[in-house]
């Protein structure tokens, strides 16, 4: 399958109440939105943030396994994980030091 860019949509939930195991969903789509494949997984996670982070990892691992070398756009509904993936953690550390 030759794609210039694949879309990877990820989501994770620790459950309610959290039980230490997250449900992970990964959807891979072609550039025009056509469904290519889906995966449902479980991963260790005690919080929503951990579950979302595990979902990003699962999505990227799937891409490395099935579509190594193909450009990927990863999409998540978690602002925190998007922020972390874009370097927000370093900026937050900077602000924490600045504010101390």
PDB file of N, CA and C in Angstrom:
ATOM      1  N   UNK A   1       0.854  -1.171   0.000  1.00  0.00           N
ATOM      2  CA  UNK A   1       0.000   0.000   0.000  1.00  0.00           C
ATOM      3  C   UNK A   1       0.900   1.233   0.000  1.00  0.00           C
ATOM      4  N   UNK A   2       0.744   2.104  -0.972  1.00  0.00           N
ATOM      5  CA  UNK A   2       1.605   3.268  -1.107  1.00  0.00           C
ATOM      6  C   UNK A   2       0.815   4.527  -0.755  1.00  0.00           C
ATOM      7  N   UNK A   3       1.107   5.089   0.420  1.00  0.00           N
ATOM      8  CA  UNK A   3       0.428   6.300   0.876  1.00  0.00           C
ATOM      9  C   UNK A   3       1.472   7.343   1.220  1.00  0.00           C
ATOM     10  N   UNK A   4       1.211   8.593   0.838  1.00  0.00           N
ATOM     11  CA  UNK A   4       2.118   9.669   1.179  1.00  0.00           C
ATOM     12  C   UNK A   4       2.022  10.014   2.663  1.00  0.00           C
ATOM     13  N   UNK A   5       0.823   9.887   3.223  1.00  0.00           N
ATOM     14  CA  UNK A   5       0.589  10.246   4.613  1.00  0.00           C
ATOM     15  C   UNK A   5      -0.592   9.432   5.129  1.00  0.00           C
ATOM     16  N   UNK A   6      -0.446   8.817   6.287  1.00  0.00           N
ATOM     17  CA  UNK A   6      -1.537   8.092   6.911  1.00  0.00           C
ATOM     18  C   UNK A   6      -1.985   8.830   8.168  1.00  0.00           C
ATOM     19  N   UNK A   7      -3.272   8.786   8.447  1.00  0.00           N
ATOM     20  CA  UNK A   7      -3.828   9.387   9.653  1.00  0.00           C
ATOM     21  C   UNK A   7      -4.012   8.289  10.691  1.00  0.00           C
ATOM     22  N   UNK A   8      -3.534   8.541  11.893  1.00  0.00           N
ATOM     23  CA  UNK A   8      -3.680   7.589  12.991  1.00  0.00           C
ATOM     24  C   UNK A   8      -4.478   8.290  14.085  1.00  0.00           C
ATOM     25  N   UNK A   9      -5.675   7.790  14.340  1.00  0.00           N
ATOM     26  CA  UNK A   9      -6.527   8.343  15.395  1.00  0.00           C
ATOM     27  C   UNK A   9      -6.426   7.424  16.602  1.00  0.00           C
ATOM     28  N   UNK A  10      -6.164   8.006  17.766  1.00  0.00           N
ATOM     29  CA  UNK A  10      -5.968   7.203  18.978  1.00  0.00           C
ATOM     30  C   UNK A  10      -6.849   7.731  20.105  1.00  0.00           C
ATOM     31  N   UNK A  11      -7.230   6.808  20.998  1.00  0.00           N
ATOM     32  CA  UNK A  11      -7.983   7.196  22.185  1.00  0.00           C
ATOM     33  C   UNK A  11      -7.752   6.141  23.255  1.00  0.00           C
ATOM     34  N   UNK A  12      -7.759   6.588  24.498  1.00  0.00           N
ATOM     35  CA  UNK A  12      -7.576   5.666  25.608  1.00  0.00           C
ATOM     36  C   UNK A  12      -8.426   6.068  26.787  1.00  0.00           C
ATOM     37  N   UNK A  13      -8.869   5.081  27.556  1.00  0.00           N
ATOM     38  CA  UNK A  13      -9.652   5.351  28.762  1.00  0.00           C
ATOM     39  C   UNK A  13      -9.259   4.371  29.854  1.00  0.00           C
ATOM     40  N   UNK A  14      -9.099   4.867  31.072  1.00  0.00           N
ATOM     41  CA  UNK A  14      -8.756   3.965  32.169  1.00  0.00           C
ATOM     42  C   UNK A  14      -9.977   3.242  32.729  1.00  0.00           C
ATOM     43  N   UNK A  15     -11.161   3.575  32.219  1.00  0.00           N
ATOM     44  CA  UNK A  15     -12.399   2.988  32.738  1.00  0.00           C
ATOM     45  C   UNK A  15     -12.942   3.840  33.867  1.00  0.00           C
ATOM     46  N   UNK A  16     -14.119   3.501  34.294  1.00  0.00           N
ATOM     47  CA  UNK A  16     -14.743   4.263  35.371  1.00  0.00           C
ATOM     48  C   UNK A  16     -15.421   3.291  36.335  1.00  0.00           C
ATOM     49  N   UNK A  17     -14.890   3.116  37.501  1.00  0.00           N
ATOM     50  CA  UNK A  17     -13.679   3.742  38.027  1.00  0.00           C
ATOM     51  C   UNK A  17     -12.428   3.098  37.432  1.00  0.00           C
ATOM     52  N   UNK A  18     -11.292   3.823  37.443  1.00  0.00           N
ATOM     53  CA  UNK A  18     -10.043   3.252  36.925  1.00  0.00           C
ATOM     54  C   UNK A  18      -9.659   1.976  37.674  1.00  0.00           C
ATOM     55  N   UNK A  19      -9.247   0.969  36.909  1.00  0.00           N
ATOM     56  CA  UNK A  19      -8.865  -0.316  37.504  1.00  0.00           C
ATOM     57  C   UNK A  19      -7.438  -0.717  37.180  1.00  0.00           C
ATOM     58  N   UNK A  20      -6.672   0.205  36.617  1.00  0.00           N
ATOM     59  CA  UNK A  20      -5.274  -0.084  36.328  1.00  0.00           C
ATOM     60  C   UNK A  20      -5.021  -0.635  34.936  1.00  0.00           C
ATOM     61  N   UNK A  21      -6.083  -0.906  34.168  1.00  0.00           N
ATOM     62  CA  UNK A  21      -5.944  -1.394  32.797  1.00  0.00           C
ATOM     63  C   UNK A  21      -6.794  -0.506  31.896  1.00  0.00           C
ATOM     64  N   UNK A  22      -6.152   0.069  30.903  1.00  0.00           N
ATOM     65  CA  UNK A  22      -6.839   0.996  30.003  1.00  0.00           C
ATOM     66  C   UNK A  22      -7.324   0.284  28.754  1.00  0.00           C
ATOM     67  N   UNK A  23      -8.428   0.786  28.212  1.00  0.00           N
ATOM     68  CA  UNK A  23      -8.869   0.379  26.892  1.00  0.00           C
ATOM     69  C   UNK A  23      -8.272   1.342  25.883  1.00  0.00           C
ATOM     70  N   UNK A  24      -7.666   0.800  24.837  1.00  0.00           N
ATOM     71  CA  UNK A  24      -6.970   1.600  23.828  1.00  0.00           C
ATOM     72  C   UNK A  24      -7.619   1.351  22.467  1.00  0.00           C
ATOM     73  N   UNK A  25      -7.872   2.423  21.733  1.00  0.00           N
ATOM     74  CA  UNK A  25      -8.386   2.306  20.373  1.00  0.00           C
ATOM     75  C   UNK A  25      -7.466   3.006  19.399  1.00  0.00           C
ATOM     76  N   UNK A  26      -7.189   2.345  18.267  1.00  0.00           N
ATOM     77  CA  UNK A  26      -6.342   2.915  17.217  1.00  0.00           C
ATOM     78  C   UNK A  26      -7.066   2.719  15.883  1.00  0.00           C
ATOM     79  N   UNK A  27      -7.183   3.796  15.119  1.00  0.00           N
ATOM     80  CA  UNK A  27      -7.794   3.743  13.792  1.00  0.00           C
ATOM     81  C   UNK A  27      -6.785   4.334  12.806  1.00  0.00           C
ATOM     82  N   UNK A  28      -6.510   3.608  11.718  1.00  0.00           N
ATOM     83  CA  UNK A  28      -5.598   4.089  10.673  1.00  0.00           C
ATOM     84  C   UNK A  28      -6.430   4.384   9.433  1.00  0.00           C
ATOM     85  N   UNK A  29      -6.239   5.585   8.897  1.00  0.00           N
ATOM     86  CA  UNK A  29      -6.988   6.017   7.717  1.00  0.00           C
ATOM     87  C   UNK A  29      -6.050   6.504   6.615  1.00  0.00           C
ATOM     88  N   UNK A  30      -6.515   6.353   5.384  1.00  0.00           N
ATOM     89  CA  UNK A  30      -5.812   6.883   4.215  1.00  0.00           C
ATOM     90  C   UNK A  30      -5.964   8.407   4.212  1.00  0.00           C
ATOM     91  N   UNK A  31      -5.181   9.099   3.395  1.00  0.00           N
ATOM     92  CA  UNK A  31      -5.243  10.562   3.364  1.00  0.00           C
ATOM     93  C   UNK A  31      -6.644  11.137   3.120  1.00  0.00           C
ATOM     94  N   UNK A  32      -7.486  10.426   2.388  1.00  0.00           N
ATOM     95  CA  UNK A  32      -8.845  10.915   2.118  1.00  0.00           C
ATOM     96  C   UNK A  32      -9.862  10.414   3.145  1.00  0.00           C
ATOM     97  N   UNK A  33      -9.388   9.717   4.180  1.00  0.00           N
ATOM     98  CA  UNK A  33     -10.274   9.286   5.256  1.00  0.00           C
ATOM     99  C   UNK A  33     -10.750   7.850   5.179  1.00  0.00           C
ATOM    100  N   UNK A  34     -10.402   7.134   4.112  1.00  0.00           N
ATOM    101  CA  UNK A  34     -10.819   5.738   3.991  1.00  0.00           C
ATOM    102  C   UNK A  34     -10.201   4.907   5.106  1.00  0.00           C
ATOM    103  N   UNK A  35     -10.997   4.041   5.702  1.00  0.00           N
ATOM    104  CA  UNK A  35     -10.534   3.177   6.787  1.00  0.00           C
ATOM    105  C   UNK A  35      -9.568   2.124   6.256  1.00  0.00           C
ATOM    106  N   UNK A  36      -8.403   2.020   6.902  1.00  0.00           N
ATOM    107  CA  UNK A  36      -7.413   1.007   6.532  1.00  0.00           C
ATOM    108  C   UNK A  36      -7.420  -0.131   7.543  1.00  0.00           C
ATOM    109  N   UNK A  37      -7.317   0.199   8.833  1.00  0.00           N
ATOM    110  CA  UNK A  37      -7.360  -0.845   9.856  1.00  0.00           C
ATOM    111  C   UNK A  37      -7.684  -0.248  11.221  1.00  0.00           C
ATOM    112  N   UNK A  38      -8.100  -1.112  12.137  1.00  0.00           N
ATOM    113  CA  UNK A  38      -8.383  -0.704  13.513  1.00  0.00           C
ATOM    114  C   UNK A  38      -7.752  -1.700  14.459  1.00  0.00           C
ATOM    115  N   UNK A  39      -7.483  -1.241  15.676  1.00  0.00           N
ATOM    116  CA  UNK A  39      -6.973  -2.117  16.736  1.00  0.00           C
ATOM    117  C   UNK A  39      -7.608  -1.693  18.056  1.00  0.00           C
ATOM    118  N   UNK A  40      -7.984  -2.674  18.842  1.00  0.00           N
ATOM    119  CA  UNK A  40      -8.440  -2.463  20.212  1.00  0.00           C
ATOM    120  C   UNK A  40      -7.481  -3.218  21.116  1.00  0.00           C
ATOM    121  N   UNK A  41      -6.929  -2.535  22.088  1.00  0.00           N
ATOM    122  CA  UNK A  41      -5.904  -3.122  22.946  1.00  0.00           C
ATOM    123  C   UNK A  41      -6.170  -2.779  24.402  1.00  0.00           C
ATOM    124  N   UNK A  42      -5.397  -3.399  25.269  1.00  0.00           N
ATOM    125  CA  UNK A  42      -5.380  -3.055  26.686  1.00  0.00           C
ATOM    126  C   UNK A  42      -3.950  -2.705  27.068  1.00  0.00           C
ATOM    127  N   UNK A  43      -3.819  -1.773  28.003  1.00  0.00           N
ATOM    128  CA  UNK A  43      -2.493  -1.347  28.451  1.00  0.00           C
ATOM    129  C   UNK A  43      -2.591  -0.906  29.903  1.00  0.00           C
ATOM    130  N   UNK A  44      -1.488  -0.995  30.642  1.00  0.00           N
ATOM    131  CA  UNK A  44      -1.514  -0.543  32.032  1.00  0.00           C
ATOM    132  C   UNK A  44      -1.678   0.980  32.103  1.00  0.00           C
ATOM    133  N   UNK A  45      -2.628   1.429  32.909  1.00  0.00           N
ATOM    134  CA  UNK A  45      -2.844   2.867  33.100  1.00  0.00           C
ATOM    135  C   UNK A  45      -3.774   3.076  34.281  1.00  0.00           C
ATOM    136  N   UNK A  46      -3.382   3.972  35.167  1.00  0.00           N
ATOM    137  CA  UNK A  46      -4.198   4.271  36.347  1.00  0.00           C
ATOM    138  C   UNK A  46      -4.995   5.561  36.193  1.00  0.00           C
ATOM    139  N   UNK A  47      -4.584   6.417  35.244  1.00  0.00           N
ATOM    140  CA  UNK A  47      -5.258   7.705  35.057  1.00  0.00           C
ATOM    141  C   UNK A  47      -5.626   7.897  33.591  1.00  0.00           C
ATOM    142  N   UNK A  48      -6.461   8.893  33.340  1.00  0.00           N
ATOM    143  CA  UNK A  48      -6.843   9.214  31.972  1.00  0.00           C
ATOM    144  C   UNK A  48      -5.618   9.620  31.148  1.00  0.00           C
ATOM    145  N   UNK A  49      -4.730  10.412  31.729  1.00  0.00           N
ATOM    146  CA  UNK A  49      -3.538  10.854  30.996  1.00  0.00           C
ATOM    147  C   UNK A  49      -2.653   9.674  30.616  1.00  0.00           C
ATOM    148  N   UNK A  50      -2.491   8.726  31.530  1.00  0.00           N
ATOM    149  CA  UNK A  50      -1.702   7.533  31.224  1.00  0.00           C
ATOM    150  C   UNK A  50      -2.353   6.727  30.105  1.00  0.00           C
ATOM    151  N   UNK A  51      -3.674   6.611  30.139  1.00  0.00           N
ATOM    152  CA  UNK A  51      -4.393   5.865  29.106  1.00  0.00           C
ATOM    153  C   UNK A  51      -4.233   6.530  27.738  1.00  0.00           C
ATOM    154  N   UNK A  52      -4.349   7.841  27.697  1.00  0.00           N
ATOM    155  CA  UNK A  52      -4.183   8.569  26.434  1.00  0.00           C
ATOM    156  C   UNK A  52      -2.754   8.428  25.908  1.00  0.00           C
ATOM    157  N   UNK A  53      -1.784   8.494  26.811  1.00  0.00           N
ATOM    158  CA  UNK A  53      -0.383   8.344  26.421  1.00  0.00           C
ATOM    159  C   UNK A  53      -0.129   6.940  25.878  1.00  0.00           C
ATOM    160  N   UNK A  54      -0.680   5.923  26.528  1.00  0.00           N
ATOM    161  CA  UNK A  54      -0.546   4.545  26.047  1.00  0.00           C
ATOM    162  C   UNK A  54      -1.175   4.396  24.663  1.00  0.00           C
ATOM    163  N   UNK A  55      -2.260   5.117  24.407  1.00  0.00           N
ATOM    164  CA  UNK A  55      -2.910   5.060  23.095  1.00  0.00           C
ATOM    165  C   UNK A  55      -2.001   5.629  22.005  1.00  0.00           C
ATOM    166  N   UNK A  56      -1.336   6.734  22.303  1.00  0.00           N
ATOM    167  CA  UNK A  56      -0.397   7.319  21.334  1.00  0.00           C
ATOM    168  C   UNK A  56       0.725   6.327  21.046  1.00  0.00           C
ATOM    169  N   UNK A  57       1.283   5.729  22.086  1.00  0.00           N
ATOM    170  CA  UNK A  57       2.355   4.745  21.915  1.00  0.00           C
ATOM    171  C   UNK A  57       1.864   3.572  21.064  1.00  0.00           C
ATOM    172  N   UNK A  58       0.676   3.044  21.371  1.00  0.00           N
ATOM    173  CA  UNK A  58       0.129   1.906  20.623  1.00  0.00           C
ATOM    174  C   UNK A  58      -0.068   2.260  19.151  1.00  0.00           C
ATOM    175  N   UNK A  59      -0.565   3.454  18.885  1.00  0.00           N
ATOM    176  CA  UNK A  59      -0.771   3.879  17.502  1.00  0.00           C
ATOM    177  C   UNK A  59       0.529   3.985  16.729  1.00  0.00           C
ATOM    178  N   UNK A  60       1.538   4.563  17.351  1.00  0.00           N
ATOM    179  CA  UNK A  60       2.823   4.713  16.668  1.00  0.00           C
ATOM    180  C   UNK A  60       3.536   3.371  16.508  1.00  0.00           C
ATOM    181  N   UNK A  61       3.397   2.484  17.491  1.00  0.00           N
ATOM    182  CA  UNK A  61       3.979   1.140  17.359  1.00  0.00           C
ATOM    183  C   UNK A  61       3.309   0.366  16.223  1.00  0.00           C
ATOM    184  N   UNK A  62       1.998   0.507  16.097  1.00  0.00           N
ATOM    185  CA  UNK A  62       1.287  -0.148  14.999  1.00  0.00           C
ATOM    186  C   UNK A  62       1.801   0.355  13.657  1.00  0.00           C
ATOM    187  N   UNK A  63       2.012   1.657  13.557  1.00  0.00           N
ATOM    188  CA  UNK A  63       2.517   2.230  12.312  1.00  0.00           C
ATOM    189  C   UNK A  63       3.916   1.707  11.987  1.00  0.00           C
ATOM    190  N   UNK A  64       4.764   1.595  13.008  1.00  0.00           N
ATOM    191  CA  UNK A  64       6.102   1.061  12.774  1.00  0.00           C
ATOM    192  C   UNK A  64       6.058  -0.391  12.321  1.00  0.00           C
ATOM    193  N   UNK A  65       5.103  -1.143  12.835  1.00  0.00           N
ATOM    194  CA  UNK A  65       4.987  -2.553  12.479  1.00  0.00           C
ATOM    195  C   UNK A  65       4.418  -2.740  11.078  1.00  0.00           C
ATOM    196  N   UNK A  66       3.348  -2.021  10.755  1.00  0.00           N
ATOM    197  CA  UNK A  66       2.656  -2.244   9.485  1.00  0.00           C
ATOM    198  C   UNK A  66       3.085  -1.318   8.350  1.00  0.00           C
ATOM    199  N   UNK A  67       3.491  -0.099   8.665  1.00  0.00           N
ATOM    200  CA  UNK A  67       3.753   0.904   7.630  1.00  0.00           C
ATOM    201  C   UNK A  67       5.043   1.674   7.886  1.00  0.00           C
ATOM    202  N   UNK A  68       6.087   0.960   8.220  1.00  0.00           N
ATOM    203  CA  UNK A  68       7.389   1.597   8.488  1.00  0.00           C
ATOM    204  C   UNK A  68       7.803   2.467   7.302  1.00  0.00           C
ATOM    205  N   UNK A  69       8.236   3.677   7.613  1.00  0.00           N
ATOM    206  CA  UNK A  69       8.716   4.589   6.579  1.00  0.00           C
ATOM    207  C   UNK A  69       7.648   5.490   5.981  1.00  0.00           C
ATOM    208  N   UNK A  70       6.384   5.280   6.346  1.00  0.00           N
ATOM    209  CA  UNK A  70       5.297   6.111   5.830  1.00  0.00           C
ATOM    210  C   UNK A  70       5.071   7.277   6.801  1.00  0.00           C
ATOM    211  N   UNK A  71       4.884   8.466   6.261  1.00  0.00           N
ATOM    212  CA  UNK A  71       4.617   9.638   7.102  1.00  0.00           C
ATOM    213  C   UNK A  71       3.275   9.468   7.812  1.00  0.00           C
ATOM    214  N   UNK A  72       3.217   9.948   9.051  1.00  0.00           N
ATOM    215  CA  UNK A  72       2.039   9.751   9.894  1.00  0.00           C
ATOM    216  C   UNK A  72       1.595  11.072  10.502  1.00  0.00           C
ATOM    217  N   UNK A  73       0.292  11.268  10.555  1.00  0.00           N
ATOM    218  CA  UNK A  73      -0.292  12.360  11.335  1.00  0.00           C
ATOM    219  C   UNK A  73      -1.116  11.687  12.428  1.00  0.00           C
ATOM    220  N   UNK A  74      -0.720  11.899  13.674  1.00  0.00           N
ATOM    221  CA  UNK A  74      -1.381  11.278  14.811  1.00  0.00           C
ATOM    222  C   UNK A  74      -2.401  12.250  15.388  1.00  0.00           C
ATOM    223  N   UNK A  75      -3.631  11.768  15.568  1.00  0.00           N
ATOM    224  CA  UNK A  75      -4.711  12.614  16.069  1.00  0.00           C
ATOM    225  C   UNK A  75      -5.232  12.051  17.384  1.00  0.00           C
ATOM    226  N   UNK A  76      -5.449  12.930  18.364  1.00  0.00           N
ATOM    227  CA  UNK A  76      -5.945  12.526  19.673  1.00  0.00           C
ATOM    228  C   UNK A  76      -6.917  13.574  20.185  1.00  0.00           C
ATOM    229  N   UNK A  77      -7.861  13.139  21.010  1.00  0.00           N
ATOM    230  CA  UNK A  77      -8.775  14.102  21.622  1.00  0.00           C
ATOM    231  C   UNK A  77      -8.235  14.631  22.946  1.00  0.00           C
ATOM    232  N   UNK A  78      -7.028  14.224  23.305  1.00  0.00           N
ATOM    233  CA  UNK A  78      -6.421  14.650  24.558  1.00  0.00           C
ATOM    234  C   UNK A  78      -5.493  15.837  24.321  1.00  0.00           C
ATOM    235  N   UNK A  79      -5.889  17.005  24.798  1.00  0.00           N
ATOM    236  CA  UNK A  79      -5.040  18.194  24.657  1.00  0.00           C
ATOM    237  C   UNK A  79      -3.705  17.992  25.356  1.00  0.00           C
ATOM    238  N   UNK A  80      -3.734  17.285  26.495  1.00  0.00           N
ATOM    239  CA  UNK A  80      -2.501  17.069  27.253  1.00  0.00           C
ATOM    240  C   UNK A  80      -1.492  16.275  26.446  1.00  0.00           C
ATOM    241  N   UNK A  81      -1.935  15.201  25.799  1.00  0.00           N
ATOM    242  CA  UNK A  81      -1.004  14.372  25.039  1.00  0.00           C
ATOM    243  C   UNK A  81      -0.505  15.092  23.793  1.00  0.00           C
ATOM    244  N   UNK A  82      -1.377  15.831  23.133  1.00  0.00           N
ATOM    245  CA  UNK A  82      -0.939  16.616  21.981  1.00  0.00           C
ATOM    246  C   UNK A  82       0.100  17.632  22.428  1.00  0.00           C
ATOM    247  N   UNK A  83      -0.157  18.277  23.552  1.00  0.00           N
ATOM    248  CA  UNK A  83       0.765  19.263  24.106  1.00  0.00           C
ATOM    249  C   UNK A  83       2.112  18.618  24.417  1.00  0.00           C
ATOM    250  N   UNK A  84       2.105  17.442  25.024  1.00  0.00           N
ATOM    251  CA  UNK A  84       3.351  16.740  25.341  1.00  0.00           C
ATOM    252  C   UNK A  84       4.103  16.355  24.086  1.00  0.00           C
ATOM    253  N   UNK A  85       3.391  15.843  23.093  1.00  0.00           N
ATOM    254  CA  UNK A  85       4.047  15.410  21.853  1.00  0.00           C
ATOM    255  C   UNK A  85       4.637  16.579  21.077  1.00  0.00           C
ATOM    256  N   UNK A  86       4.118  17.767  21.307  1.00  0.00           N
ATOM    257  CA  UNK A  86       4.618  18.963  20.616  1.00  0.00           C
ATOM    258  C   UNK A  86       5.672  19.706  21.429  1.00  0.00           C
ATOM    259  N   UNK A  87       6.176  19.092  22.486  1.00  0.00           N
ATOM    260  CA  UNK A  87       7.229  19.723  23.271  1.00  0.00           C
ATOM    261  C   UNK A  87       6.747  20.523  24.455  1.00  0.00           C
ATOM    262  N   UNK A  88       5.495  20.422  24.817  1.00  0.00           N
ATOM    263  CA  UNK A  88       4.932  21.198  25.912  1.00  0.00           C
ATOM    264  C   UNK A  88       5.545  20.885  27.265  1.00  0.00           C
ATOM    265  N   UNK A  89       6.035  19.670  27.436  1.00  0.00           N
ATOM    266  CA  UNK A  89       6.620  19.299  28.730  1.00  0.00           C
ATOM    267  C   UNK A  89       7.839  20.169  29.011  1.00  0.00           C
ATOM    268  N   UNK A  90       8.674  20.368  28.011  1.00  0.00           N
ATOM    269  CA  UNK A  90       9.854  21.209  28.199  1.00  0.00           C
ATOM    270  C   UNK A  90       9.450  22.640  28.527  1.00  0.00           C
ATOM    271  N   UNK A  91       8.399  23.140  27.848  1.00  0.00           N
ATOM    272  CA  UNK A  91       7.941  24.496  28.124  1.00  0.00           C
ATOM    273  C   UNK A  91       7.370  24.589  29.533  1.00  0.00           C
ATOM    274  N   UNK A  92       6.640  23.567  29.985  1.00  0.00           N
ATOM    275  CA  UNK A  92       6.070  23.588  31.324  1.00  0.00           C
ATOM    276  C   UNK A  92       7.189  23.591  32.354  1.00  0.00           C
ATOM    277  N   UNK A  93       8.234  22.789  32.135  1.00  0.00           N
ATOM    278  CA  UNK A  93       9.372  22.766  33.054  1.00  0.00           C
ATOM    279  C   UNK A  93      10.012  24.151  33.114  1.00  0.00           C
ATOM    280  N   UNK A  94      10.139  24.803  31.964  1.00  0.00           N
ATOM    281  CA  UNK A  94      10.704  26.137  31.918  1.00  0.00           C
ATOM    282  C   UNK A  94       9.860  27.100  32.752  1.00  0.00           C
ATOM    283  N   UNK A  95       8.532  27.051  32.580  1.00  0.00           N
ATOM    284  CA  UNK A  95       7.666  27.951  33.338  1.00  0.00           C
ATOM    285  C   UNK A  95       7.699  27.664  34.845  1.00  0.00           C
ATOM    286  N   UNK A  96       7.789  26.385  35.204  1.00  0.00           N
ATOM    287  CA  UNK A  96       7.870  26.042  36.621  1.00  0.00           C
ATOM    288  C   UNK A  96       9.128  26.625  37.240  1.00  0.00           C
ATOM    289  N   UNK A  97      10.258  26.496  36.541  1.00  0.00           N
ATOM    290  CA  UNK A  97      11.523  27.041  37.055  1.00  0.00           C
ATOM    291  C   UNK A  97      11.429  28.557  37.135  1.00  0.00           C
ATOM    292  N   UNK A  98      10.847  29.167  36.089  1.00  0.00           N
ATOM    293  CA  UNK A  98      10.719  30.618  36.045  1.00  0.00           C
ATOM    294  C   UNK A  98       9.873  31.128  37.206  1.00  0.00           C
ATOM    295  N   UNK A  99       8.788  30.401  37.533  1.00  0.00           N
ATOM    296  CA  UNK A  99       7.881  30.849  38.572  1.00  0.00           C
ATOM    297  C   UNK A  99       8.417  30.613  39.990  1.00  0.00           C
ATOM    298  N   UNK A 100       9.392  29.733  40.142  1.00  0.00           N
ATOM    299  CA  UNK A 100       9.902  29.418  41.491  1.00  0.00           C
ATOM    300  C   UNK A 100      10.764  30.489  42.036  1.00  0.00           C
TER     301      UNK A 100
END
